N, C-alpha and C. Protein backbone atom coordinates (compact mmCIF):
# COMPACT_ATOMS: atom_id res chain seq x y z
N MET A 1 127.91 105.09 127.66
CA MET A 1 126.77 104.89 126.76
C MET A 1 125.93 106.16 126.74
N PRO A 2 125.65 106.73 125.58
CA PRO A 2 124.85 107.96 125.50
C PRO A 2 123.42 107.73 126.00
N HIS A 3 122.85 108.78 126.54
CA HIS A 3 121.45 108.75 126.97
C HIS A 3 120.75 109.89 126.26
N ASN A 4 119.87 109.55 125.33
CA ASN A 4 119.13 110.56 124.57
C ASN A 4 117.64 110.42 124.85
N SER A 5 116.94 111.54 124.74
CA SER A 5 115.50 111.50 124.89
C SER A 5 114.87 112.62 124.09
N LEU A 6 113.67 112.39 123.64
CA LEU A 6 112.89 113.42 122.96
C LEU A 6 112.25 114.27 124.04
N PHE A 7 112.56 115.56 124.09
CA PHE A 7 112.06 116.38 125.19
C PHE A 7 111.12 117.48 124.75
N LEU A 8 111.03 117.77 123.45
CA LEU A 8 110.21 118.88 123.00
C LEU A 8 109.72 118.61 121.58
N VAL A 9 108.44 118.94 121.33
CA VAL A 9 107.83 118.81 120.01
C VAL A 9 107.13 120.13 119.71
N THR A 10 107.30 120.65 118.52
CA THR A 10 106.66 121.90 118.13
C THR A 10 105.23 121.64 117.66
N LEU A 11 104.32 122.45 118.17
CA LEU A 11 102.92 122.42 117.74
C LEU A 11 102.57 123.82 117.27
N ILE A 12 102.19 123.94 116.01
CA ILE A 12 101.86 125.25 115.44
C ILE A 12 100.45 125.63 115.87
N VAL A 13 100.32 126.85 116.39
CA VAL A 13 99.04 127.34 116.92
C VAL A 13 98.71 128.69 116.31
N ASP A 14 97.47 129.14 116.49
CA ASP A 14 97.06 130.43 115.93
C ASP A 14 97.34 131.59 116.88
N ASP A 15 97.34 131.31 118.18
CA ASP A 15 97.47 132.38 119.18
C ASP A 15 98.07 131.78 120.45
N TYR A 16 99.09 132.41 120.98
CA TYR A 16 99.77 131.89 122.17
C TYR A 16 98.81 131.72 123.35
N ASP A 17 98.07 132.77 123.69
CA ASP A 17 97.23 132.73 124.88
C ASP A 17 96.08 131.74 124.74
N ARG A 18 95.49 131.67 123.57
CA ARG A 18 94.39 130.72 123.33
C ARG A 18 94.90 129.30 123.50
N ALA A 19 96.07 129.00 122.94
CA ALA A 19 96.64 127.66 123.04
C ALA A 19 97.03 127.35 124.49
N LYS A 20 97.65 128.30 125.16
CA LYS A 20 98.05 128.10 126.55
C LYS A 20 96.83 127.82 127.43
N THR A 21 95.75 128.54 127.23
CA THR A 21 94.53 128.32 127.99
C THR A 21 94.00 126.91 127.79
N PHE A 22 93.97 126.46 126.55
CA PHE A 22 93.46 125.11 126.28
C PHE A 22 94.34 124.05 126.94
N TYR A 23 95.62 124.11 126.66
CA TYR A 23 96.50 123.04 127.17
C TYR A 23 96.66 123.09 128.68
N CYS A 24 96.70 124.26 129.27
CA CYS A 24 96.89 124.36 130.73
C CYS A 24 95.58 124.28 131.49
N ASP A 25 94.57 125.01 131.08
CA ASP A 25 93.31 125.04 131.83
C ASP A 25 92.40 123.86 131.50
N THR A 26 92.32 123.48 130.24
CA THR A 26 91.43 122.40 129.85
C THR A 26 92.07 121.02 130.05
N LEU A 27 93.30 120.85 129.55
CA LEU A 27 93.95 119.54 129.67
C LEU A 27 94.78 119.40 130.95
N GLY A 28 95.00 120.50 131.66
CA GLY A 28 95.71 120.41 132.93
C GLY A 28 97.22 120.34 132.82
N PHE A 29 97.77 120.77 131.70
CA PHE A 29 99.22 120.78 131.54
C PHE A 29 99.83 121.88 132.39
N ASP A 30 101.11 121.73 132.69
CA ASP A 30 101.88 122.79 133.35
C ASP A 30 102.52 123.67 132.29
N CYS A 31 102.59 124.96 132.57
CA CYS A 31 103.34 125.87 131.72
C CYS A 31 104.78 125.86 132.24
N VAL A 32 105.70 125.33 131.46
CA VAL A 32 107.10 125.19 131.87
C VAL A 32 107.88 126.47 131.60
N PHE A 33 107.64 127.08 130.44
CA PHE A 33 108.28 128.34 130.06
C PHE A 33 107.26 129.20 129.34
N ASP A 34 107.33 130.49 129.57
CA ASP A 34 106.56 131.46 128.80
C ASP A 34 107.36 132.75 128.81
N MET A 35 108.28 132.83 127.85
CA MET A 35 109.20 133.97 127.80
C MET A 35 109.06 134.69 126.46
N PRO A 36 108.96 136.00 126.51
CA PRO A 36 108.91 136.75 125.24
C PRO A 36 110.25 136.70 124.54
N LEU A 37 110.20 136.68 123.23
CA LEU A 37 111.38 136.82 122.38
C LEU A 37 111.19 138.12 121.61
N PRO A 38 111.46 139.25 122.28
CA PRO A 38 111.09 140.56 121.72
C PRO A 38 111.68 140.85 120.35
N GLU A 39 112.90 140.40 120.12
CA GLU A 39 113.53 140.68 118.83
C GLU A 39 112.83 139.97 117.68
N GLU A 40 112.09 138.91 118.00
CA GLU A 40 111.38 138.16 116.96
C GLU A 40 109.87 138.39 117.00
N GLY A 41 109.39 139.07 118.06
CA GLY A 41 107.95 139.26 118.21
C GLY A 41 107.23 137.96 118.53
N LYS A 42 107.96 137.01 119.12
CA LYS A 42 107.38 135.70 119.43
C LYS A 42 107.57 135.41 120.92
N ARG A 43 107.14 134.20 121.31
CA ARG A 43 107.31 133.74 122.69
C ARG A 43 107.87 132.33 122.67
N TRP A 44 108.63 132.00 123.71
CA TRP A 44 109.08 130.63 123.95
C TRP A 44 108.10 130.07 124.96
N LEU A 45 107.09 129.36 124.47
CA LEU A 45 105.99 128.88 125.30
C LEU A 45 105.97 127.35 125.27
N VAL A 46 106.31 126.75 126.42
CA VAL A 46 106.40 125.30 126.52
C VAL A 46 105.42 124.82 127.59
N VAL A 47 104.60 123.83 127.23
CA VAL A 47 103.67 123.21 128.17
C VAL A 47 103.98 121.72 128.22
N LYS A 48 103.62 121.11 129.35
CA LYS A 48 103.94 119.70 129.53
C LYS A 48 102.90 119.08 130.47
N PRO A 49 102.49 117.84 130.21
CA PRO A 49 101.56 117.19 131.13
C PRO A 49 102.11 117.16 132.56
N LYS A 50 101.23 117.37 133.53
CA LYS A 50 101.64 117.36 134.94
C LYS A 50 102.26 116.02 135.30
N GLY A 51 103.41 116.09 135.96
CA GLY A 51 104.05 114.88 136.44
C GLY A 51 104.57 113.97 135.36
N GLY A 52 104.48 114.41 134.12
CA GLY A 52 104.89 113.56 133.01
C GLY A 52 106.39 113.53 132.81
N GLU A 53 106.88 112.37 132.43
CA GLU A 53 108.29 112.24 132.16
C GLU A 53 108.60 112.40 130.68
N GLY A 54 107.58 112.58 129.86
CA GLY A 54 107.76 112.65 128.42
C GLY A 54 108.05 114.05 127.92
N ALA A 55 107.91 114.21 126.64
CA ALA A 55 108.21 115.45 125.96
C ALA A 55 107.19 116.54 126.26
N GLY A 56 107.64 117.79 126.17
CA GLY A 56 106.76 118.94 126.27
C GLY A 56 106.39 119.41 124.87
N LEU A 57 105.44 120.34 124.81
CA LEU A 57 105.04 120.95 123.54
C LEU A 57 105.53 122.39 123.50
N LEU A 58 106.24 122.75 122.45
CA LEU A 58 106.57 124.14 122.17
C LEU A 58 105.41 124.68 121.34
N LEU A 59 104.63 125.58 121.93
CA LEU A 59 103.49 126.17 121.23
C LEU A 59 104.02 127.34 120.42
N ALA A 60 104.05 127.17 119.10
CA ALA A 60 104.65 128.15 118.20
C ALA A 60 103.57 128.80 117.35
N ARG A 61 103.41 130.11 117.49
CA ARG A 61 102.40 130.83 116.70
C ARG A 61 102.79 130.79 115.22
N ALA A 62 101.81 130.47 114.39
CA ALA A 62 102.04 130.38 112.95
C ALA A 62 102.56 131.69 112.40
N ASP A 63 103.53 131.59 111.52
CA ASP A 63 104.14 132.74 110.88
C ASP A 63 104.09 132.52 109.37
N GLY A 64 103.14 133.15 108.72
CA GLY A 64 103.02 133.01 107.27
C GLY A 64 101.97 131.99 106.86
N GLU A 65 101.65 132.01 105.58
CA GLU A 65 100.57 131.18 105.04
C GLU A 65 100.82 129.69 105.15
N VAL A 66 102.04 129.24 104.91
CA VAL A 66 102.34 127.81 104.96
C VAL A 66 102.12 127.28 106.37
N GLU A 67 102.61 127.99 107.36
CA GLU A 67 102.42 127.54 108.75
C GLU A 67 100.96 127.65 109.16
N GLN A 68 100.26 128.68 108.74
CA GLN A 68 98.84 128.82 109.08
C GLN A 68 98.03 127.65 108.50
N ALA A 69 98.40 127.21 107.31
CA ALA A 69 97.70 126.10 106.69
C ALA A 69 97.92 124.78 107.43
N ALA A 70 99.00 124.68 108.19
CA ALA A 70 99.33 123.45 108.92
C ALA A 70 98.64 123.37 110.28
N ILE A 71 98.06 124.46 110.76
CA ILE A 71 97.42 124.44 112.08
C ILE A 71 96.32 123.38 112.09
N GLY A 72 96.41 122.46 113.03
CA GLY A 72 95.41 121.42 113.17
C GLY A 72 95.57 120.25 112.23
N ASN A 73 96.56 120.29 111.36
CA ASN A 73 96.72 119.23 110.38
C ASN A 73 98.19 118.90 110.16
N GLN A 74 98.96 118.95 111.22
CA GLN A 74 100.40 118.74 111.09
C GLN A 74 100.76 117.30 110.72
N THR A 75 99.85 116.36 110.97
CA THR A 75 100.12 114.97 110.60
C THR A 75 99.03 114.42 109.67
N ALA A 76 98.47 115.29 108.87
CA ALA A 76 97.52 114.92 107.81
C ALA A 76 96.34 114.10 108.30
N GLY A 77 95.81 114.45 109.47
CA GLY A 77 94.62 113.81 109.97
C GLY A 77 94.85 112.55 110.80
N ARG A 78 96.09 112.15 110.96
CA ARG A 78 96.40 110.98 111.80
C ARG A 78 96.50 111.43 113.25
N VAL A 79 96.40 110.47 114.17
CA VAL A 79 96.62 110.80 115.57
C VAL A 79 98.05 111.32 115.68
N SER A 80 98.16 112.52 116.26
CA SER A 80 99.45 113.20 116.34
C SER A 80 100.17 112.95 117.65
N PHE A 81 99.40 112.86 118.74
CA PHE A 81 99.98 112.84 120.07
C PHE A 81 99.31 111.75 120.90
N PHE A 82 100.05 111.22 121.85
CA PHE A 82 99.60 110.13 122.69
C PHE A 82 99.80 110.56 124.13
N LEU A 83 98.70 110.83 124.82
CA LEU A 83 98.73 111.31 126.20
C LEU A 83 98.47 110.13 127.13
N LYS A 84 99.52 109.71 127.83
CA LYS A 84 99.43 108.58 128.75
C LYS A 84 98.88 109.06 130.08
N THR A 85 97.97 108.27 130.64
CA THR A 85 97.36 108.58 131.93
C THR A 85 97.48 107.38 132.85
N ASP A 86 97.47 107.64 134.15
CA ASP A 86 97.45 106.54 135.11
C ASP A 86 96.02 106.23 135.57
N ASP A 87 95.06 107.02 135.08
CA ASP A 87 93.65 106.79 135.44
C ASP A 87 92.77 107.29 134.29
N PHE A 88 92.49 106.40 133.36
CA PHE A 88 91.72 106.78 132.17
C PHE A 88 90.36 107.35 132.53
N ALA A 89 89.63 106.67 133.40
CA ALA A 89 88.27 107.11 133.74
C ALA A 89 88.27 108.51 134.32
N ARG A 90 89.19 108.80 135.21
CA ARG A 90 89.30 110.13 135.83
C ARG A 90 89.53 111.21 134.77
N ASP A 91 90.54 110.99 133.94
CA ASP A 91 90.90 112.02 132.96
C ASP A 91 89.87 112.14 131.84
N HIS A 92 89.30 111.02 131.42
CA HIS A 92 88.26 111.06 130.39
C HIS A 92 87.08 111.88 130.88
N ALA A 93 86.63 111.63 132.13
CA ALA A 93 85.50 112.37 132.70
C ALA A 93 85.84 113.85 132.85
N ALA A 94 87.06 114.16 133.31
CA ALA A 94 87.46 115.56 133.49
C ALA A 94 87.51 116.29 132.16
N PHE A 95 88.04 115.64 131.13
CA PHE A 95 88.12 116.27 129.82
C PHE A 95 86.72 116.52 129.25
N LEU A 96 85.84 115.52 129.38
CA LEU A 96 84.47 115.70 128.90
C LEU A 96 83.80 116.87 129.62
N ALA A 97 84.01 116.97 130.93
CA ALA A 97 83.40 118.05 131.71
C ALA A 97 83.91 119.42 131.27
N LYS A 98 85.11 119.47 130.71
CA LYS A 98 85.68 120.74 130.24
C LYS A 98 85.45 120.98 128.76
N GLY A 99 84.64 120.13 128.14
CA GLY A 99 84.24 120.34 126.75
C GLY A 99 85.17 119.75 125.71
N VAL A 100 86.09 118.89 126.11
CA VAL A 100 86.96 118.24 125.12
C VAL A 100 86.10 117.31 124.27
N ARG A 101 86.33 117.35 122.96
CA ARG A 101 85.53 116.56 122.01
C ARG A 101 86.22 115.23 121.71
N PHE A 102 85.60 114.15 122.17
CA PHE A 102 86.10 112.81 121.86
C PHE A 102 85.43 112.33 120.58
N LEU A 103 86.20 111.67 119.73
CA LEU A 103 85.68 111.20 118.46
C LEU A 103 85.15 109.78 118.52
N GLU A 104 85.30 109.16 119.69
CA GLU A 104 84.85 107.78 119.85
C GLU A 104 84.62 107.51 121.33
N GLU A 105 83.92 106.43 121.59
CA GLU A 105 83.76 105.95 122.95
C GLU A 105 85.06 105.26 123.36
N PRO A 106 85.35 105.24 124.66
CA PRO A 106 86.56 104.52 125.09
C PRO A 106 86.50 103.06 124.63
N ARG A 107 87.66 102.56 124.24
CA ARG A 107 87.75 101.15 123.83
C ARG A 107 88.85 100.46 124.62
N HIS A 108 88.64 99.19 124.83
CA HIS A 108 89.59 98.38 125.60
C HIS A 108 90.33 97.49 124.61
N GLU A 109 91.62 97.76 124.47
CA GLU A 109 92.47 97.01 123.57
C GLU A 109 93.45 96.18 124.40
N ALA A 110 94.17 95.27 123.75
CA ALA A 110 95.16 94.44 124.45
C ALA A 110 96.21 95.31 125.15
N TYR A 111 96.52 96.47 124.57
CA TYR A 111 97.55 97.34 125.13
C TYR A 111 97.03 98.33 126.17
N GLY A 112 95.69 98.45 126.30
CA GLY A 112 95.14 99.35 127.30
C GLY A 112 93.81 99.95 126.89
N THR A 113 93.37 100.94 127.66
CA THR A 113 92.13 101.67 127.39
C THR A 113 92.48 102.95 126.67
N VAL A 114 91.74 103.26 125.60
CA VAL A 114 92.09 104.40 124.76
C VAL A 114 90.85 105.03 124.15
N ALA A 115 90.93 106.34 123.89
CA ALA A 115 89.91 107.05 123.13
C ALA A 115 90.60 108.22 122.44
N VAL A 116 90.17 108.51 121.23
CA VAL A 116 90.72 109.60 120.45
C VAL A 116 89.94 110.87 120.74
N PHE A 117 90.67 111.98 120.98
CA PHE A 117 90.03 113.28 121.13
C PHE A 117 90.74 114.29 120.26
N ALA A 118 90.04 115.41 120.02
CA ALA A 118 90.60 116.49 119.21
C ALA A 118 90.92 117.67 120.11
N ASP A 119 92.06 118.31 119.86
CA ASP A 119 92.37 119.53 120.60
C ASP A 119 91.61 120.69 119.95
N LEU A 120 91.82 121.91 120.42
CA LEU A 120 91.04 123.03 119.92
C LEU A 120 91.29 123.33 118.45
N TYR A 121 92.36 122.79 117.89
CA TYR A 121 92.68 123.02 116.47
C TYR A 121 92.26 121.85 115.58
N GLY A 122 91.86 120.73 116.19
CA GLY A 122 91.50 119.56 115.42
C GLY A 122 92.61 118.52 115.35
N ASN A 123 93.77 118.79 115.94
CA ASN A 123 94.81 117.75 116.02
C ASN A 123 94.25 116.59 116.83
N LEU A 124 94.56 115.38 116.40
CA LEU A 124 94.04 114.20 117.08
C LEU A 124 95.03 113.67 118.11
N TRP A 125 94.47 113.28 119.24
CA TRP A 125 95.23 112.76 120.37
C TRP A 125 94.62 111.44 120.82
N ASP A 126 95.45 110.52 121.28
CA ASP A 126 94.97 109.35 122.01
C ASP A 126 95.13 109.64 123.49
N LEU A 127 94.07 109.46 124.26
CA LEU A 127 94.18 109.40 125.71
C LEU A 127 94.27 107.91 126.02
N ILE A 128 95.34 107.49 126.68
CA ILE A 128 95.57 106.07 126.84
C ILE A 128 96.09 105.72 128.23
N GLU A 129 95.51 104.69 128.79
CA GLU A 129 96.03 104.08 130.01
C GLU A 129 96.49 102.69 129.60
N HIS A 130 97.79 102.47 129.71
CA HIS A 130 98.34 101.18 129.31
C HIS A 130 97.87 100.05 130.22
N ALA A 131 97.68 98.90 129.62
CA ALA A 131 97.35 97.70 130.39
C ALA A 131 98.56 97.30 131.22
N GLU A 132 98.29 96.71 132.35
CA GLU A 132 99.41 96.25 133.18
C GLU A 132 100.11 95.11 132.50
N GLY A 133 101.44 95.09 132.64
CA GLY A 133 102.24 94.03 132.05
C GLY A 133 102.55 94.35 130.65
C-alpha cells in the first residue's frame, strides 16, 4: 500500500532573509535547508515548525511582476495555513510578545481553540490547538 504525504508548500516572499527571520525568530520555526542555487541566483530555503510532523514551507523569493503581486495574497484573503500547537495559550502569548498581529481574540470551537493571525506579508494563518477526542 503506498504511503504519501504532503511535505512541502511554496510560499512566495519578497526577501529570503526577511522571511527567514520572521518564520524562524518570530514563529520559532526550524530552518531545515538554506542552500544557494548560484546558477539561478536563488536559494533553496525551507523552514518547518519545531517538532512538527507536517509540511515545511519553501520560501521562494518572487521573480517577476506576477509573483510579486501574489505576495501575501496567495489564497485570495482566505486562511492559507493552519499551525497546530499542543499549547495554544503558550504559543499565543509568545507570538503576541514578538509582535505577531492577531485578527481576532482566541475562540473556543467544538474542534479546539483557534485564532487567526497574519504573517509579515499578510497571509492568514490559524493557530489551533485541537480539542481532545
